[in-house]
């Protein structure tokens, strides 16, 4: 199972891996076929990393679904088979059929749903929130950049203090985010930004350090510390319905209003104060020429404006670029 997981992390498709293994299997014959499909939830969101088992006459094969939710069993002998897919906190999905010699079968989507009402009621709110956050931690724009602070769930549960810090810290240390900050530091050096840092390796190191400090302070203040203090949810809640105008206005205003842990909308104290607070803290490590109260206020407003723009992108574009997110309703 570890080798399969490694293949998924390396970007290999489930079918590609299975076919490669089939080529070297001694028992594989020209009469063997293939069984493939996709794992998704009740709303049609793809589920990567689900455990999928093929049972044929008591012989089982296990793989995990790829980043696109797909799986594929190659080298399957003719005969009756049963495929089961399961994921933590969800009911098992089952598909059965009969495979002819050398036949390739594409199954109907393996739909996994949250456990029965009795099972859900037995879960604590923290357990339900944890399941939802684990799904959010699989969200990546283009399969690369983290898209953790967005909820596509129709009934999101408020985050606990622990989960707010988990989302913030995982975002800060994510390798893709670190690589992005490193690239920005390189562009700043090439363009001569923050000239007080100088040139060469030392100048790049200072720019990289400042960039990582900005990302850490900004994310932890607006996404973890202040949301805990003000009891607010730092996530963007995808709307997905209504006219373009309604959805645009909703996305823009959520830069300055937030949903409290009590479920009610209120001024986004955490995000607004976090935006200005991060700018104030940056005065401790930016060159003297790039410090000052005016710059702090300017950067704070820029950060809030960027949040509004980012929310509009989330509403109309980034969801489509995020594998594993829920499909839009009515579009």
Protein backbone atom coordinates (compact mmCIF):
# COMPACT_ATOMS: atom_id res chain seq x y z
CA UNK A 1 0.00 0.00 0.00
CA UNK A 2 2.95 2.34 0.69
CA UNK A 3 4.19 1.92 -2.91
CA UNK A 4 0.74 2.73 -4.27
CA UNK A 5 0.55 5.87 -2.14
CA UNK A 6 3.98 6.90 -3.38
CA UNK A 7 2.83 6.50 -6.98
CA UNK A 8 -0.17 8.75 -6.30
CA UNK A 9 2.06 11.40 -4.69
CA UNK A 10 4.33 11.34 -7.69
CA UNK A 11 1.36 12.11 -9.93
CA UNK A 12 1.03 8.67 -11.52
CA UNK A 13 -2.55 7.86 -12.50
CA UNK A 14 -4.21 4.82 -11.00
CA UNK A 15 -4.61 3.22 -14.44
CA UNK A 16 -1.02 3.96 -15.42
CA UNK A 17 0.35 2.34 -12.28
CA UNK A 18 -1.91 -0.69 -12.57
CA UNK A 19 -1.05 -1.22 -16.22
CA UNK A 20 2.65 -0.99 -15.49
CA UNK A 21 2.33 -3.61 -12.78
CA UNK A 22 0.29 -5.79 -15.12
CA UNK A 23 3.09 -5.82 -17.69
CA UNK A 24 5.52 -7.40 -15.26
CA UNK A 25 3.08 -9.79 -13.58
CA UNK A 26 3.85 -13.37 -14.58
CA UNK A 27 0.23 -14.44 -14.23
CA UNK A 28 -1.13 -11.78 -16.61
CA UNK A 29 -2.49 -13.09 -19.90
CA UNK A 30 -3.85 -11.51 -23.07
CA UNK A 31 -7.34 -12.54 -21.95
CA UNK A 32 -7.19 -10.39 -18.80
CA UNK A 33 -9.28 -7.22 -18.71
CA UNK A 34 -9.51 -3.93 -16.85
CA UNK A 35 -11.91 -2.39 -14.31
CA UNK A 36 -11.79 1.36 -13.71
CA UNK A 37 -13.92 4.16 -12.32
CA UNK A 38 -14.01 7.27 -10.14
CA UNK A 39 -14.83 7.89 -6.45
CA UNK A 40 -16.95 10.91 -5.53
CA UNK A 41 -19.29 12.15 -2.82
CA UNK A 42 -23.04 12.82 -2.99
CA UNK A 43 -22.46 16.31 -4.43
CA UNK A 44 -20.12 15.00 -7.13
CA UNK A 45 -16.86 16.15 -5.50
CA UNK A 46 -13.97 13.87 -6.45
CA UNK A 47 -12.40 11.96 -3.54
CA UNK A 48 -8.64 11.33 -3.83
CA UNK A 49 -6.94 8.84 -1.53
CA UNK A 50 -10.00 6.62 -1.02
CA UNK A 51 -9.27 2.92 -0.45
CA UNK A 52 -10.62 0.83 -3.32
CA UNK A 53 -10.81 -2.98 -3.21
CA UNK A 54 -11.51 -5.39 -6.09
CA UNK A 55 -12.84 -8.79 -5.01
CA UNK A 56 -12.96 -11.56 -7.62
CA UNK A 57 -13.77 -15.07 -6.43
CA UNK A 58 -12.36 -14.31 -2.99
CA UNK A 59 -9.10 -12.81 -4.33
CA UNK A 60 -8.71 -9.17 -3.34
CA UNK A 61 -6.62 -6.35 -4.82
CA UNK A 62 -6.34 -2.96 -3.13
CA UNK A 63 -5.34 0.48 -4.46
CA UNK A 64 -6.12 4.10 -3.58
CA UNK A 65 -7.87 6.59 -5.84
CA UNK A 66 -5.62 9.15 -7.51
CA UNK A 67 -5.63 12.95 -7.14
CA UNK A 68 -8.44 13.06 -9.72
CA UNK A 69 -10.50 10.47 -7.78
CA UNK A 70 -9.88 7.78 -10.40
CA UNK A 71 -8.82 4.17 -9.90
CA UNK A 72 -8.00 1.33 -12.27
CA UNK A 73 -7.42 -2.40 -11.83
CA UNK A 74 -5.52 -3.92 -14.76
CA UNK A 75 -4.85 -7.61 -15.41
CA UNK A 76 -8.28 -8.72 -14.13
CA UNK A 77 -9.31 -12.26 -15.21
CA UNK A 78 -12.75 -12.80 -16.75
CA UNK A 79 -15.53 -13.49 -14.26
CA UNK A 80 -17.77 -11.88 -11.64
CA UNK A 81 -16.25 -9.10 -9.52
CA UNK A 82 -17.15 -6.64 -6.77
CA UNK A 83 -15.50 -3.25 -6.20
CA UNK A 84 -15.73 -1.48 -2.84
CA UNK A 85 -14.58 2.07 -2.06
CA UNK A 86 -14.38 3.60 1.39
CA UNK A 87 -13.20 6.79 3.09
CA UNK A 88 -13.13 7.80 6.74
CA UNK A 89 -16.47 9.17 7.99
CA UNK A 90 -18.36 8.00 4.89
CA UNK A 91 -20.40 4.94 3.99
CA UNK A 92 -18.85 2.34 1.72
CA UNK A 93 -19.66 2.42 -2.01
CA UNK A 94 -20.14 -0.87 -3.87
CA UNK A 95 -20.27 -1.80 -7.57
CA UNK A 96 -20.54 -5.34 -9.01
CA UNK A 97 -20.40 -6.84 -12.47
CA UNK A 98 -19.07 -9.55 -14.73
CA UNK A 99 -15.96 -9.10 -16.85
CA UNK A 100 -15.60 -10.86 -20.22
CA UNK A 101 -12.20 -11.91 -21.56
CA UNK A 102 -10.00 -8.88 -22.38
CA UNK A 103 -12.92 -6.53 -21.62
CA UNK A 104 -12.38 -3.01 -20.28
CA UNK A 105 -15.16 -1.89 -17.93
CA UNK A 106 -15.74 1.71 -16.78
CA UNK A 107 -17.96 1.57 -13.68
CA UNK A 108 -20.61 4.10 -12.75
CA UNK A 109 -19.20 6.64 -10.23
CA UNK A 110 -18.60 5.12 -6.80
CA UNK A 111 -20.66 7.52 -4.69
CA UNK A 112 -19.72 7.76 -1.00
CA UNK A 113 -22.09 9.54 1.38
CA UNK A 114 -21.72 10.72 4.96
CA UNK A 115 -22.84 8.09 7.45
CA UNK A 116 -26.49 7.57 8.36
CA UNK A 117 -28.33 10.13 10.49
CA UNK A 118 -27.84 8.00 13.56
CA UNK A 119 -24.09 7.83 12.94
CA UNK A 120 -23.78 11.57 12.27
CA UNK A 121 -25.72 12.41 15.43
CA UNK A 122 -23.37 10.17 17.38
CA UNK A 123 -20.40 12.27 16.23
CA UNK A 124 -19.41 15.34 18.22
CA UNK A 125 -19.33 18.73 16.49
CA UNK A 126 -15.55 18.66 16.71
CA UNK A 127 -15.44 15.28 14.95
CA UNK A 128 -17.70 16.53 12.16
CA UNK A 129 -15.60 19.70 11.82
CA UNK A 130 -12.45 17.58 11.66
CA UNK A 131 -13.87 15.47 8.80
CA UNK A 132 -14.77 18.64 6.88
CA UNK A 133 -11.34 20.21 7.46
CA UNK A 134 -9.58 17.05 6.27
CA UNK A 135 -11.53 17.40 3.01
CA UNK A 136 -10.49 21.06 2.75
CA UNK A 137 -6.85 20.12 3.29
CA UNK A 138 -7.01 18.09 0.05
CA UNK A 139 -8.07 21.14 -1.95
CA UNK A 140 -5.35 22.45 -4.26
CA UNK A 141 -5.61 24.96 -7.11
CA UNK A 142 -4.47 23.18 -10.24
CA UNK A 143 -3.61 20.26 -7.98
CA UNK A 144 -0.63 22.30 -6.67
CA UNK A 145 -1.34 25.42 -4.59
CA UNK A 146 -3.21 24.89 -1.30
CA UNK A 147 -6.79 26.14 -1.21
CA UNK A 148 -7.44 25.29 2.42
CA UNK A 149 -9.37 28.35 3.62
CA UNK A 150 -12.43 27.73 1.44
CA UNK A 151 -15.47 25.68 2.43
CA UNK A 152 -17.62 24.13 -0.32
CA UNK A 153 -19.73 22.22 2.21
CA UNK A 154 -23.45 22.95 2.22
CA UNK A 155 -23.57 22.77 6.04
CA UNK A 156 -20.14 23.68 7.46
CA UNK A 157 -19.52 23.22 11.15
CA UNK A 158 -17.64 26.00 13.02
CA UNK A 159 -13.95 25.37 13.52
CA UNK A 160 -12.51 24.60 16.93
CA UNK A 161 -9.47 26.52 18.18
CA UNK A 162 -7.27 23.56 17.30
CA UNK A 163 -8.56 23.36 13.74
CA UNK A 164 -8.08 27.10 13.17
CA UNK A 165 -4.42 26.76 14.11
CA UNK A 166 -4.08 23.55 12.10
CA UNK A 167 -5.35 25.21 8.91
CA UNK A 168 -3.10 28.22 9.40
CA UNK A 169 0.08 26.28 10.17
CA UNK A 170 -0.43 23.72 7.40
CA UNK A 171 -0.84 26.57 4.93
CA UNK A 172 2.34 28.31 6.10
CA UNK A 173 4.59 25.25 5.90
CA UNK A 174 3.11 23.76 2.73
CA UNK A 175 5.96 23.17 0.23
CA UNK A 176 4.00 24.76 -2.63
CA UNK A 177 3.49 27.95 -0.63
CA UNK A 178 7.17 28.04 0.37
CA UNK A 179 8.16 27.59 -3.28
CA UNK A 180 5.82 30.43 -4.27
CA UNK A 181 7.33 32.79 -1.68
CA UNK A 182 10.82 31.78 -2.86
CA UNK A 183 9.90 32.63 -6.45
CA UNK A 184 8.48 36.02 -5.41
CA UNK A 185 11.71 36.78 -3.51
CA UNK A 186 13.66 36.01 -6.68
CA UNK A 187 11.49 38.38 -8.72
CA UNK A 188 11.91 41.09 -6.07
CA UNK A 189 15.67 40.70 -6.24
CA UNK A 190 15.68 40.81 -10.03
CA UNK A 191 13.51 43.94 -10.00
CA UNK A 192 15.51 45.66 -7.28
CA UNK A 193 12.64 45.81 -4.78
CA UNK A 194 13.61 46.57 -1.17
CA UNK A 195 17.03 47.82 -2.24
CA UNK A 196 18.05 48.14 1.40
CA UNK A 197 18.47 44.38 1.50
CA UNK A 198 21.31 44.56 -1.03
CA UNK A 199 22.18 42.12 -3.79
CA UNK A 200 23.66 38.62 -4.02
CA UNK A 201 22.87 35.61 -1.88
CA UNK A 202 22.59 37.72 1.25
CA UNK A 203 20.05 40.06 -0.34
CA UNK A 204 17.99 37.14 -1.64
CA UNK A 205 18.07 35.47 1.77
CA UNK A 206 16.75 38.63 3.43
CA UNK A 207 13.96 38.98 0.87
CA UNK A 208 13.04 35.31 1.30
CA UNK A 209 13.06 35.68 5.08
CA UNK A 210 10.86 38.76 4.88
CA UNK A 211 8.47 36.99 2.51
CA UNK A 212 8.16 33.98 4.80
CA UNK A 213 7.66 36.29 7.79
CA UNK A 214 4.89 38.12 5.91
CA UNK A 215 3.20 34.83 5.01
CA UNK A 216 3.52 33.43 8.52
CA UNK A 217 2.41 36.53 10.41
CA UNK A 218 -0.39 37.37 7.99
CA UNK A 219 -1.78 33.82 7.85
CA UNK A 220 -1.52 33.11 11.56
CA UNK A 221 -2.96 36.49 12.59
CA UNK A 222 -5.90 36.55 10.15
CA UNK A 223 -6.40 32.79 9.92
CA UNK A 224 -5.70 31.48 13.42
CA UNK A 225 -4.91 33.83 16.33
CA UNK A 226 -7.48 36.60 15.81
CA UNK A 227 -10.24 34.20 14.66
CA UNK A 228 -9.79 32.41 18.00
CA UNK A 229 -9.83 35.72 19.92
CA UNK A 230 -12.94 37.07 18.13
CA UNK A 231 -14.58 33.65 17.68
CA UNK A 232 -14.85 34.03 13.92
CA UNK A 233 -14.42 31.58 11.06
CA UNK A 234 -11.47 32.50 8.78
CA UNK A 235 -12.77 30.52 5.77
CA UNK A 236 -14.51 31.75 2.63
CA UNK A 237 -17.90 30.06 2.27
CA UNK A 238 -18.57 29.34 -1.39
CA UNK A 239 -22.00 30.58 -2.51
CA UNK A 240 -22.33 29.05 -5.98
CA UNK A 241 -25.93 30.17 -6.57
CA UNK A 242 -27.66 33.38 -7.60
CA UNK A 243 -26.94 35.93 -10.30
CA UNK A 244 -23.44 37.06 -11.21
CA UNK A 245 -24.11 40.38 -9.51
CA UNK A 246 -25.31 38.74 -6.29
CA UNK A 247 -22.37 36.38 -6.15
CA UNK A 248 -19.86 39.16 -6.90
CA UNK A 249 -21.28 41.39 -4.15
CA UNK A 250 -21.26 38.46 -1.72
CA UNK A 251 -17.60 37.71 -2.51
CA UNK A 252 -16.48 41.34 -2.15
CA UNK A 253 -18.27 42.02 1.13
CA UNK A 254 -16.92 38.86 2.79
CA UNK A 255 -13.55 40.60 2.89
CA UNK A 256 -14.98 42.82 5.65
CA UNK A 257 -17.70 40.62 7.16
CA UNK A 258 -17.24 37.13 8.56
CA UNK A 259 -19.32 34.29 9.94
CA UNK A 260 -18.95 33.99 13.69
CA UNK A 261 -18.63 30.70 15.50
CA UNK A 262 -22.26 31.31 16.50
CA UNK A 263 -23.26 31.06 12.82
CA UNK A 264 -24.14 34.76 12.49
CA UNK A 265 -22.51 37.26 10.10
CA UNK A 266 -20.57 40.09 11.77
CA UNK A 267 -17.79 42.59 11.02
CA UNK A 268 -14.61 40.70 10.09
CA UNK A 269 -12.56 41.93 13.03
CA UNK A 270 -10.05 39.11 12.63
CA UNK A 271 -9.36 39.66 8.93
CA UNK A 272 -9.29 43.47 9.03
CA UNK A 273 -7.13 43.76 12.15
CA UNK A 274 -4.95 40.92 10.92
CA UNK A 275 -4.32 42.72 7.61
CA UNK A 276 -3.20 45.91 9.34
CA UNK A 277 -1.42 44.00 12.10
CA UNK A 278 0.73 42.07 9.64
CA UNK A 279 1.74 45.35 7.98
CA UNK A 280 2.67 46.81 11.36
CA UNK A 281 4.80 43.80 12.31
CA UNK A 282 6.64 44.02 8.97
CA UNK A 283 8.14 47.34 10.15
CA UNK A 284 10.38 45.26 12.39
CA UNK A 285 12.29 43.63 9.54
CA UNK A 286 11.82 45.64 6.32
CA UNK A 287 14.52 48.15 5.27
CA UNK A 288 14.20 51.61 6.89
CA UNK A 289 13.16 53.18 3.59
CA UNK A 290 10.19 50.79 3.38
CA UNK A 291 8.83 51.33 6.87
CA UNK A 292 6.36 53.80 8.35
CA UNK A 293 2.77 54.21 9.51
CA UNK A 294 1.58 55.39 6.09
CA UNK A 295 2.98 52.27 4.43
CA UNK A 296 1.37 50.07 7.09
CA UNK A 297 -2.06 51.60 6.47
CA UNK A 298 -1.59 51.41 2.71
CA UNK A 299 -0.57 47.74 2.87
CA UNK A 300 -3.52 46.99 5.15
CA UNK A 301 -6.02 48.37 2.65
CA UNK A 302 -4.22 46.59 -0.20
CA UNK A 303 -4.49 43.29 1.71
CA UNK A 304 -8.23 43.75 2.29
CA UNK A 305 -8.76 44.68 -1.36
CA UNK A 306 -6.83 41.62 -2.46
CA UNK A 307 -9.00 39.46 -0.19
CA UNK A 308 -12.10 40.77 -1.98
CA UNK A 309 -10.55 40.08 -5.38
CA UNK A 310 -9.47 36.61 -4.25
CA UNK A 311 -13.00 35.84 -3.05
CA UNK A 312 -14.44 36.78 -6.44
CA UNK A 313 -11.89 34.46 -8.06
CA UNK A 314 -12.94 31.71 -5.65
CA UNK A 315 -16.60 32.19 -6.54
CA UNK A 316 -16.18 32.10 -10.32
CA UNK A 317 -12.84 30.51 -11.24
CA UNK A 318 -10.73 28.82 -8.57
CA UNK A 319 -13.39 26.25 -7.63
CA UNK A 320 -13.20 24.92 -11.17
CA UNK A 321 -9.41 24.66 -10.82
CA UNK A 322 -9.56 22.80 -7.49
CA UNK A 323 -9.79 18.99 -7.87
CA UNK A 324 -11.84 17.43 -5.07
CA UNK A 325 -14.05 20.48 -4.52
CA UNK A 326 -17.81 20.21 -4.80
CA UNK A 327 -19.41 20.78 -8.19
CA UNK A 328 -21.34 23.97 -8.61
CA UNK A 329 -25.12 23.68 -8.35
CA UNK A 330 -27.23 24.85 -11.21
CA UNK A 331 -24.26 25.78 -13.47
